[in-house]
Protein backbone atom coordinates (compact mmCIF):
# COMPACT_ATOMS: atom_id res chain seq x y z
CA GLN A 1 0.00 0.00 0.00
CA VAL A 2 2.94 2.31 0.70
CA GLN A 3 5.16 3.23 -2.24
CA LEU A 4 8.75 4.17 -1.42
CA VAL A 5 11.51 5.88 -3.38
CA GLU A 6 15.06 6.19 -2.04
CA SER A 7 17.54 8.88 -3.01
CA GLY A 8 20.82 10.35 -1.84
CA GLY A 9 23.19 7.50 -2.55
CA GLY A 10 26.51 8.01 -4.24
CA LEU A 11 30.26 7.91 -3.85
CA VAL A 12 31.93 9.12 -0.69
CA GLN A 13 35.39 8.86 0.81
CA ALA A 14 35.94 6.91 4.00
CA GLY A 15 35.24 9.10 6.99
CA GLY A 16 32.75 11.18 5.08
CA SER A 17 29.01 11.61 5.46
CA LEU A 18 25.95 11.00 3.37
CA ARG A 19 22.23 11.44 3.93
CA LEU A 20 19.71 9.10 2.38
CA SER A 21 16.07 10.02 1.92
CA CYS A 22 13.03 7.85 1.38
CA ALA A 23 9.86 9.46 0.10
CA ALA A 24 6.61 7.64 0.81
CA SER A 25 3.21 7.93 -0.78
CA GLY A 26 -0.16 8.03 0.89
CA ARG A 27 -1.74 9.76 3.83
CA THR A 28 -1.12 6.93 6.30
CA PHE A 29 2.68 7.24 6.44
CA SER A 30 2.61 8.23 10.09
CA THR A 31 0.90 4.95 11.05
CA TYR A 32 3.86 2.79 9.98
CA ALA A 33 7.22 2.18 11.55
CA MET A 34 9.96 2.56 8.95
CA GLY A 35 13.28 0.87 8.47
CA TRP A 36 16.52 0.91 6.52
CA PHE A 37 18.25 -2.23 5.28
CA ARG A 38 21.31 -2.79 3.15
CA GLN A 39 22.79 -5.48 0.97
CA ALA A 40 26.47 -5.67 0.12
CA PRO A 41 27.87 -7.71 -2.78
CA GLY A 42 27.83 -11.40 -1.92
CA LYS A 43 25.97 -10.78 1.32
CA GLU A 44 22.40 -11.18 2.49
CA ARG A 45 20.23 -8.17 3.12
CA GLU A 46 20.71 -6.94 6.67
CA PHE A 47 18.97 -4.65 9.10
CA VAL A 48 20.41 -1.17 9.60
CA ALA A 49 17.92 0.95 11.55
CA THR A 50 14.25 1.39 12.30
CA ILE A 51 12.09 4.14 13.73
CA SER A 52 8.66 4.14 15.30
CA ARG A 53 5.75 5.90 13.66
CA SER A 54 6.04 8.82 16.07
CA GLY A 55 9.80 9.02 15.73
CA GLY A 56 10.21 8.59 19.46
CA SER A 57 11.87 5.17 19.39
CA THR A 58 14.75 3.87 17.29
CA LEU A 59 16.85 0.74 16.97
CA TYR A 60 20.20 0.33 15.22
CA ALA A 61 22.40 -2.49 14.12
CA ALA A 62 25.53 -2.71 16.24
CA SER A 63 27.68 -2.08 13.17
CA VAL A 64 26.22 1.40 12.63
CA LYS A 65 25.28 2.49 16.14
CA GLY A 66 26.83 5.83 16.99
CA ARG A 67 27.50 6.63 13.33
CA PHE A 68 24.08 6.50 11.69
CA THR A 69 20.91 8.32 12.67
CA ILE A 70 17.44 7.49 11.42
CA SER A 71 14.77 10.16 11.52
CA ARG A 72 11.45 10.95 9.93
CA ASP A 73 9.33 13.91 8.98
CA ASN A 74 5.73 12.79 8.86
CA ALA A 75 4.60 16.12 7.44
CA LYS A 76 6.80 15.40 4.41
CA ASN A 77 6.16 11.64 4.29
CA THR A 78 9.90 11.12 4.40
CA VAL A 79 12.34 9.03 6.39
CA TYR A 80 16.06 9.79 6.48
CA LEU A 81 19.28 8.00 7.25
CA GLN A 82 22.16 10.26 8.18
CA MET A 83 25.40 8.34 7.79
CA ASN A 84 28.57 9.70 9.35
CA SER A 85 32.09 8.33 9.67
CA LEU A 86 31.47 6.06 6.74
CA LYS A 87 33.62 2.99 6.26
CA PRO A 88 34.30 0.87 3.16
CA GLU A 89 32.29 -1.91 4.81
CA ASP A 90 29.23 0.34 4.59
CA THR A 91 29.27 -0.04 0.82
CA ALA A 92 25.95 -1.56 -0.19
CA VAL A 93 22.60 -0.95 -1.78
CA TYR A 94 20.42 0.71 0.83
CA TYR A 95 16.70 0.04 0.95
CA CYS A 96 13.97 1.73 2.92
CA ALA A 97 10.94 -0.25 3.98
CA ALA A 98 7.62 0.20 5.70
CA ASP A 99 6.30 -2.10 8.38
CA SER A 100 3.68 -4.43 6.94
CA ARG A 101 1.31 -3.64 9.79
CA SER A 102 0.17 -0.18 10.82
CA PHE A 103 0.22 0.86 14.46
CA ARG A 104 2.65 -1.86 15.48
CA VAL A 105 3.52 -1.28 19.12
CA VAL A 106 6.94 -2.98 19.20
CA LEU A 107 9.74 -2.15 16.77
CA THR A 108 10.88 -5.02 14.60
CA THR A 109 14.18 -5.58 12.82
CA THR A 110 13.24 -8.61 10.73
CA ILE A 111 12.89 -8.37 6.96
CA ARG A 112 9.73 -10.47 6.91
CA ASP A 113 7.88 -7.88 9.00
CA PHE A 114 8.31 -5.19 6.35
CA GLY A 115 5.85 -5.31 3.51
CA SER A 116 6.71 -2.33 1.30
CA TRP A 117 10.16 -1.73 -0.17
CA GLY A 118 11.87 0.86 -2.27
CA GLN A 119 14.14 0.02 -5.19
CA GLY A 120 17.31 0.88 -3.32
CA THR A 121 20.10 3.40 -3.68
CA GLN A 122 23.78 2.58 -4.08
CA VAL A 123 26.25 3.80 -1.47
CA THR A 124 29.92 3.33 -2.22
CA VAL A 125 32.60 4.25 0.29
CA SER A 126 36.13 4.44 -1.04
CA SER A 127 39.36 4.04 0.90
């Protein structure tokens, strides 16, 4: 039901920063928790971060905690991923996703719980 489009990916030097955006359609955006996932070459898609529908609660993968910040602007139907201190290991295609169930009360980090996905945006971090 929710259509998502990521943007903001690109090339960045190690130690640099990048901000990803995910624009969502519909008037029910604020009823869904949102998440970011990534998939590196030869690797399975993995959880990066998620944020509650109100923006008051967040969860991060240990590999990005302290470096990445997820946020959302419900008035703009947009979720963001601010990435700082980027490392070559952060190189991947980044996907935003919407929880498959509205008004979920507990944040989830599992791929199967997200029902709407964007097409992804490439992030490449050079050494």
